Amino acid sequence: LQPLLDQHPRALIFDLRGNPGGYLD
């Protein structure tokens, strides 16, 4: 995220498609 936010995007898309999960913490 950090290098993307440094470029001041107009919005962010966070893609969790197909992500089966993992650790709660």
PDB file of all heavy atoms in Angstrom:
ATOM      1  N   LEU A   1       0.809  -1.221   0.000  1.00  0.00           N
ATOM      2  CA  LEU A   1       0.000   0.000   0.000  1.00  0.00           C
ATOM      3  C   LEU A   1       0.839   1.267   0.000  1.00  0.00           C
ATOM      4  O   LEU A   1       0.499   2.250  -0.674  1.00  0.00           O
ATOM      5  CB  LEU A   1      -0.907   0.008   1.235  1.00  0.00           C
ATOM      6  CG  LEU A   1      -2.171  -0.847   1.205  1.00  0.00           C
ATOM      7  CD1 LEU A   1      -2.845  -0.819   2.574  1.00  0.00           C
ATOM      8  CD2 LEU A   1      -3.128  -0.341   0.130  1.00  0.00           C
ATOM      9  N   GLN A   2       1.928   1.256   0.752  1.00  0.00           N
ATOM     10  CA  GLN A   2       2.665   2.498   0.961  1.00  0.00           C
ATOM     11  C   GLN A   2       3.097   3.187  -0.334  1.00  0.00           C
ATOM     12  O   GLN A   2       2.831   4.385  -0.532  1.00  0.00           O
ATOM     13  CB  GLN A   2       3.881   2.259   1.860  1.00  0.00           C
ATOM     14  CG  GLN A   2       4.565   3.547   2.324  1.00  0.00           C
ATOM     15  CD  GLN A   2       3.636   4.417   3.156  1.00  0.00           C
ATOM     16  OE1 GLN A   2       3.276   4.058   4.266  1.00  0.00           O
ATOM     17  NE2 GLN A   2       3.222   5.578   2.616  1.00  0.00           N
ATOM     18  N   PRO A   3       3.757   2.492  -1.271  1.00  0.00           N
ATOM     19  CA  PRO A   3       4.159   3.172  -2.508  1.00  0.00           C
ATOM     20  C   PRO A   3       2.976   3.633  -3.353  1.00  0.00           C
ATOM     21  O   PRO A   3       3.089   4.627  -4.086  1.00  0.00           O
ATOM     22  CB  PRO A   3       5.001   2.127  -3.246  1.00  0.00           C
ATOM     23  CG  PRO A   3       4.629   0.820  -2.639  1.00  0.00           C
ATOM     24  CD  PRO A   3       4.269   1.106  -1.227  1.00  0.00           C
ATOM     25  N   LEU A   4       1.858   2.940  -3.251  1.00  0.00           N
ATOM     26  CA  LEU A   4       0.674   3.383  -3.990  1.00  0.00           C
ATOM     27  C   LEU A   4       0.096   4.649  -3.382  1.00  0.00           C
ATOM     28  O   LEU A   4      -0.251   5.603  -4.096  1.00  0.00           O
ATOM     29  CB  LEU A   4      -0.388   2.275  -3.995  1.00  0.00           C
ATOM     30  CG  LEU A   4       0.007   0.933  -4.614  1.00  0.00           C
ATOM     31  CD1 LEU A   4      -1.187  -0.017  -4.591  1.00  0.00           C
ATOM     32  CD2 LEU A   4       0.522   1.106  -6.028  1.00  0.00           C
ATOM     33  N   LEU A   5      -0.004   4.688  -2.068  1.00  0.00           N
ATOM     34  CA  LEU A   5      -0.548   5.868  -1.390  1.00  0.00           C
ATOM     35  C   LEU A   5       0.362   7.075  -1.550  1.00  0.00           C
ATOM     36  O   LEU A   5      -0.101   8.220  -1.547  1.00  0.00           O
ATOM     37  CB  LEU A   5      -0.782   5.553   0.085  1.00  0.00           C
ATOM     38  CG  LEU A   5      -1.823   4.462   0.371  1.00  0.00           C
ATOM     39  CD1 LEU A   5      -1.905   4.168   1.863  1.00  0.00           C
ATOM     40  CD2 LEU A   5      -3.190   4.850  -0.168  1.00  0.00           C
ATOM     41  N   ASP A   6       1.664   6.828  -1.697  1.00  0.00           N
ATOM     42  CA  ASP A   6       2.598   7.938  -1.927  1.00  0.00           C
ATOM     43  C   ASP A   6       2.304   8.652  -3.235  1.00  0.00           C
ATOM     44  O   ASP A   6       2.725   9.804  -3.428  1.00  0.00           O
ATOM     45  CB  ASP A   6       4.038   7.414  -1.938  1.00  0.00           C
ATOM     46  CG  ASP A   6       4.527   7.009  -0.550  1.00  0.00           C
ATOM     47  OD1 ASP A   6       3.878   7.404   0.442  1.00  0.00           O
ATOM     48  OD2 ASP A   6       5.531   6.279  -0.463  1.00  0.00           O
ATOM     49  N   GLN A   7       1.594   7.972  -4.148  1.00  0.00           N
ATOM     50  CA  GLN A   7       1.244   8.574  -5.436  1.00  0.00           C
ATOM     51  C   GLN A   7      -0.139   9.235  -5.401  1.00  0.00           C
ATOM     52  O   GLN A   7      -0.636   9.687  -6.434  1.00  0.00           O
ATOM     53  CB  GLN A   7       1.284   7.514  -6.532  1.00  0.00           C
ATOM     54  CG  GLN A   7       2.671   6.884  -6.691  1.00  0.00           C
ATOM     55  CD  GLN A   7       2.696   5.807  -7.764  1.00  0.00           C
ATOM     56  OE1 GLN A   7       2.404   6.071  -8.933  1.00  0.00           O
ATOM     57  NE2 GLN A   7       3.049   4.579  -7.373  1.00  0.00           N
ATOM     58  N   HIS A   8      -0.745   9.286  -4.212  1.00  0.00           N
ATOM     59  CA  HIS A   8      -2.024   9.963  -3.987  1.00  0.00           C
ATOM     60  C   HIS A   8      -3.108   9.518  -4.971  1.00  0.00           C
ATOM     61  O   HIS A   8      -3.642  10.317  -5.750  1.00  0.00           O
ATOM     62  CB  HIS A   8      -1.839  11.477  -4.054  1.00  0.00           C
ATOM     63  CG  HIS A   8      -0.781  11.989  -3.131  1.00  0.00           C
ATOM     64  ND1 HIS A   8      -0.926  12.003  -1.764  1.00  0.00           N
ATOM     65  CD2 HIS A   8       0.473  12.465  -3.394  1.00  0.00           C
ATOM     66  CE1 HIS A   8       0.177  12.484  -1.204  1.00  0.00           C
ATOM     67  NE2 HIS A   8       1.048  12.772  -2.170  1.00  0.00           N
ATOM     68  N   PRO A   9      -3.466   8.237  -4.956  1.00  0.00           N
ATOM     69  CA  PRO A   9      -4.492   7.752  -5.884  1.00  0.00           C
ATOM     70  C   PRO A   9      -5.847   8.355  -5.574  1.00  0.00           C
ATOM     71  O   PRO A   9      -6.145   8.714  -4.424  1.00  0.00           O
ATOM     72  CB  PRO A   9      -4.490   6.239  -5.632  1.00  0.00           C
ATOM     73  CG  PRO A   9      -4.031   6.104  -4.220  1.00  0.00           C
ATOM     74  CD  PRO A   9      -3.007   7.184  -4.030  1.00  0.00           C
ATOM     75  N   ARG A  10      -6.676   8.461  -6.589  1.00  0.00           N
ATOM     76  CA  ARG A  10      -8.035   8.994  -6.383  1.00  0.00           C
ATOM     77  C   ARG A  10      -8.898   7.994  -5.611  1.00  0.00           C
ATOM     78  O   ARG A  10      -9.882   8.371  -4.960  1.00  0.00           O
ATOM     79  CB  ARG A  10      -8.680   9.327  -7.723  1.00  0.00           C
ATOM     80  CG  ARG A  10      -8.920   8.118  -8.604  1.00  0.00           C
ATOM     81  CD  ARG A  10      -9.205   8.501 -10.046  1.00  0.00           C
ATOM     82  NE  ARG A  10     -10.430   9.278 -10.175  1.00  0.00           N
ATOM     83  CZ  ARG A  10     -10.816   9.891 -11.296  1.00  0.00           C
ATOM     84  NH1 ARG A  10     -10.038   9.834 -12.372  1.00  0.00           N
ATOM     85  NH2 ARG A  10     -11.941  10.553 -11.348  1.00  0.00           N
ATOM     86  N   ALA A  11      -8.551   6.715  -5.689  1.00  0.00           N
ATOM     87  CA  ALA A  11      -9.263   5.663  -4.957  1.00  0.00           C
ATOM     88  C   ALA A  11      -8.404   4.406  -4.994  1.00  0.00           C
ATOM     89  O   ALA A  11      -7.441   4.318  -5.766  1.00  0.00           O
ATOM     90  CB  ALA A  11     -10.629   5.394  -5.566  1.00  0.00           C
ATOM     91  N   LEU A  12      -8.776   3.443  -4.151  1.00  0.00           N
ATOM     92  CA  LEU A  12      -8.036   2.183  -4.071  1.00  0.00           C
ATOM     93  C   LEU A  12      -9.007   1.022  -4.255  1.00  0.00           C
ATOM     94  O   LEU A  12     -10.102   1.021  -3.694  1.00  0.00           O
ATOM     95  CB  LEU A  12      -7.344   2.057  -2.715  1.00  0.00           C
ATOM     96  CG  LEU A  12      -6.534   0.777  -2.483  1.00  0.00           C
ATOM     97  CD1 LEU A  12      -5.251   0.805  -3.319  1.00  0.00           C
ATOM     98  CD2 LEU A  12      -6.187   0.621  -1.007  1.00  0.00           C
ATOM     99  N   ILE A  13      -8.587   0.035  -5.037  1.00  0.00           N
ATOM    100  CA  ILE A  13      -9.326  -1.215  -5.190  1.00  0.00           C
ATOM    101  C   ILE A  13      -8.541  -2.309  -4.481  1.00  0.00           C
ATOM    102  O   ILE A  13      -7.367  -2.538  -4.782  1.00  0.00           O
ATOM    103  CB  ILE A  13      -9.517  -1.567  -6.672  1.00  0.00           C
ATOM    104  CG1 ILE A  13     -10.388  -0.506  -7.367  1.00  0.00           C
ATOM    105  CG2 ILE A  13     -10.142  -2.945  -6.814  1.00  0.00           C
ATOM    106  CD1 ILE A  13     -10.472  -0.679  -8.877  1.00  0.00           C
ATOM    107  N   PHE A  14      -9.192  -2.982  -3.528  1.00  0.00           N
ATOM    108  CA  PHE A  14      -8.569  -4.070  -2.769  1.00  0.00           C
ATOM    109  C   PHE A  14      -9.234  -5.358  -3.210  1.00  0.00           C
ATOM    110  O   PHE A  14     -10.422  -5.578  -2.981  1.00  0.00           O
ATOM    111  CB  PHE A  14      -8.751  -3.838  -1.271  1.00  0.00           C
ATOM    112  CG  PHE A  14      -8.019  -4.816  -0.388  1.00  0.00           C
ATOM    113  CD1 PHE A  14      -6.831  -5.402  -0.783  1.00  0.00           C
ATOM    114  CD2 PHE A  14      -8.521  -5.151   0.867  1.00  0.00           C
ATOM    115  CE1 PHE A  14      -6.153  -6.301   0.026  1.00  0.00           C
ATOM    116  CE2 PHE A  14      -7.861  -6.033   1.692  1.00  0.00           C
ATOM    117  CZ  PHE A  14      -6.671  -6.614   1.263  1.00  0.00           C
ATOM    118  N   ASP A  15      -8.483  -6.223  -3.850  1.00  0.00           N
ATOM    119  CA  ASP A  15      -9.027  -7.415  -4.506  1.00  0.00           C
ATOM    120  C   ASP A  15      -8.852  -8.648  -3.617  1.00  0.00           C
ATOM    121  O   ASP A  15      -7.735  -9.116  -3.401  1.00  0.00           O
ATOM    122  CB  ASP A  15      -8.301  -7.616  -5.844  1.00  0.00           C
ATOM    123  CG  ASP A  15      -9.016  -8.596  -6.753  1.00  0.00           C
ATOM    124  OD1 ASP A  15      -9.875  -9.347  -6.254  1.00  0.00           O
ATOM    125  OD2 ASP A  15      -8.724  -8.608  -7.965  1.00  0.00           O
ATOM    126  N   LEU A  16      -9.979  -9.179  -3.140  1.00  0.00           N
ATOM    127  CA  LEU A  16      -9.972 -10.389  -2.315  1.00  0.00           C
ATOM    128  C   LEU A  16     -10.677 -11.546  -3.018  1.00  0.00           C
ATOM    129  O   LEU A  16     -11.039 -12.532  -2.374  1.00  0.00           O
ATOM    130  CB  LEU A  16     -10.638 -10.113  -0.966  1.00  0.00           C
ATOM    131  CG  LEU A  16      -9.882  -9.179  -0.030  1.00  0.00           C
ATOM    132  CD1 LEU A  16     -10.696  -8.923   1.240  1.00  0.00           C
ATOM    133  CD2 LEU A  16      -8.516  -9.742   0.327  1.00  0.00           C
ATOM    134  N   ARG A  17     -10.836 -11.459  -4.315  1.00  0.00           N
ATOM    135  CA  ARG A  17     -11.476 -12.544  -5.050  1.00  0.00           C
ATOM    136  C   ARG A  17     -10.624 -13.817  -4.986  1.00  0.00           C
ATOM    137  O   ARG A  17      -9.409 -13.762  -5.134  1.00  0.00           O
ATOM    138  CB  ARG A  17     -11.691 -12.148  -6.507  1.00  0.00           C
ATOM    139  CG  ARG A  17     -12.774 -11.102  -6.702  1.00  0.00           C
ATOM    140  CD  ARG A  17     -12.880 -10.678  -8.147  1.00  0.00           C
ATOM    141  NE  ARG A  17     -11.700  -9.935  -8.579  1.00  0.00           N
ATOM    142  CZ  ARG A  17     -11.480  -9.547  -9.842  1.00  0.00           C
ATOM    143  NH1 ARG A  17     -12.343  -9.877 -10.793  1.00  0.00           N
ATOM    144  NH2 ARG A  17     -10.401  -8.863 -10.152  1.00  0.00           N
ATOM    145  N   GLY A  18     -11.285 -14.923  -4.734  1.00  0.00           N
ATOM    146  CA  GLY A  18     -10.583 -16.198  -4.694  1.00  0.00           C
ATOM    147  C   GLY A  18      -9.714 -16.409  -3.477  1.00  0.00           C
ATOM    148  O   GLY A  18      -9.056 -17.440  -3.359  1.00  0.00           O
ATOM    149  N   ASN A  19      -9.718 -15.462  -2.540  1.00  0.00           N
ATOM    150  CA  ASN A  19      -8.903 -15.594  -1.327  1.00  0.00           C
ATOM    151  C   ASN A  19      -9.645 -16.480  -0.332  1.00  0.00           C
ATOM    152  O   ASN A  19     -10.706 -16.107   0.171  1.00  0.00           O
ATOM    153  CB  ASN A  19      -8.641 -14.217  -0.721  1.00  0.00           C
ATOM    154  CG  ASN A  19      -7.691 -14.258   0.461  1.00  0.00           C
ATOM    155  OD1 ASN A  19      -7.803 -15.108   1.330  1.00  0.00           O
ATOM    156  ND2 ASN A  19      -6.767 -13.322   0.510  1.00  0.00           N
ATOM    157  N   PRO A  20      -9.103 -17.671  -0.014  1.00  0.00           N
ATOM    158  CA  PRO A  20      -9.840 -18.623   0.819  1.00  0.00           C
ATOM    159  C   PRO A  20      -9.764 -18.352   2.309  1.00  0.00           C
ATOM    160  O   PRO A  20     -10.391 -19.066   3.102  1.00  0.00           O
ATOM    161  CB  PRO A  20      -9.152 -19.946   0.495  1.00  0.00           C
ATOM    162  CG  PRO A  20      -7.734 -19.555   0.214  1.00  0.00           C
ATOM    163  CD  PRO A  20      -7.822 -18.226  -0.486  1.00  0.00           C
ATOM    164  N   GLY A  21      -8.989 -17.332   2.736  1.00  0.00           N
ATOM    165  CA  GLY A  21      -8.904 -17.014   4.157  1.00  0.00           C
ATOM    166  C   GLY A  21      -7.524 -17.259   4.713  1.00  0.00           C
ATOM    167  O   GLY A  21      -6.518 -17.156   4.023  1.00  0.00           O
ATOM    168  N   GLY A  22      -7.470 -17.598   6.011  1.00  0.00           N
ATOM    169  CA  GLY A  22      -6.194 -17.802   6.674  1.00  0.00           C
ATOM    170  C   GLY A  22      -6.277 -17.432   8.142  1.00  0.00           C
ATOM    171  O   GLY A  22      -7.276 -17.706   8.807  1.00  0.00           O
ATOM    172  N   TYR A  23      -5.254 -16.764   8.636  1.00  0.00           N
ATOM    173  CA  TYR A  23      -5.142 -16.485  10.066  1.00  0.00           C
ATOM    174  C   TYR A  23      -6.010 -15.300  10.485  1.00  0.00           C
ATOM    175  O   TYR A  23      -6.020 -14.248   9.839  1.00  0.00           O
ATOM    176  CB  TYR A  23      -3.694 -16.193  10.425  1.00  0.00           C
ATOM    177  CG  TYR A  23      -2.795 -17.409  10.386  1.00  0.00           C
ATOM    178  CD1 TYR A  23      -1.776 -17.506   9.448  1.00  0.00           C
ATOM    179  CD2 TYR A  23      -2.967 -18.463  11.277  1.00  0.00           C
ATOM    180  CE1 TYR A  23      -0.943 -18.618   9.402  1.00  0.00           C
ATOM    181  CE2 TYR A  23      -2.156 -19.578  11.243  1.00  0.00           C
ATOM    182  CZ  TYR A  23      -1.133 -19.643  10.298  1.00  0.00           C
ATOM    183  OH  TYR A  23      -0.335 -20.745  10.247  1.00  0.00           O
ATOM    184  N   LEU A  24      -6.695 -15.469  11.601  1.00  0.00           N
ATOM    185  CA  LEU A  24      -7.568 -14.422  12.127  1.00  0.00           C
ATOM    186  C   LEU A  24      -6.785 -13.165  12.480  1.00  0.00           C
ATOM    187  O   LEU A  24      -7.213 -12.055  12.178  1.00  0.00           O
ATOM    188  CB  LEU A  24      -8.321 -14.947  13.348  1.00  0.00           C
ATOM    189  CG  LEU A  24      -9.184 -13.940  14.115  1.00  0.00           C
ATOM    190  CD1 LEU A  24     -10.255 -13.359  13.227  1.00  0.00           C
ATOM    191  CD2 LEU A  24      -9.821 -14.608  15.331  1.00  0.00           C
ATOM    192  N   ASP A  25      -5.623 -13.318  13.129  1.00  0.00           N
ATOM    193  CA  ASP A  25      -4.884 -12.122  13.540  1.00  0.00           C
ATOM    194  C   ASP A  25      -4.449 -11.305  12.330  1.00  0.00           C
ATOM    195  O   ASP A  25      -4.416 -10.071  12.375  1.00  0.00           O
ATOM    196  CB  ASP A  25      -3.678 -12.498  14.413  1.00  0.00           C
ATOM    197  CG  ASP A  25      -2.653 -13.347  13.683  1.00  0.00           C
ATOM    198  OD1 ASP A  25      -3.017 -14.056  12.731  1.00  0.00           O
ATOM    199  OD2 ASP A  25      -1.466 -13.309  14.080  1.00  0.00           O
TER     200      ASP A  25
END
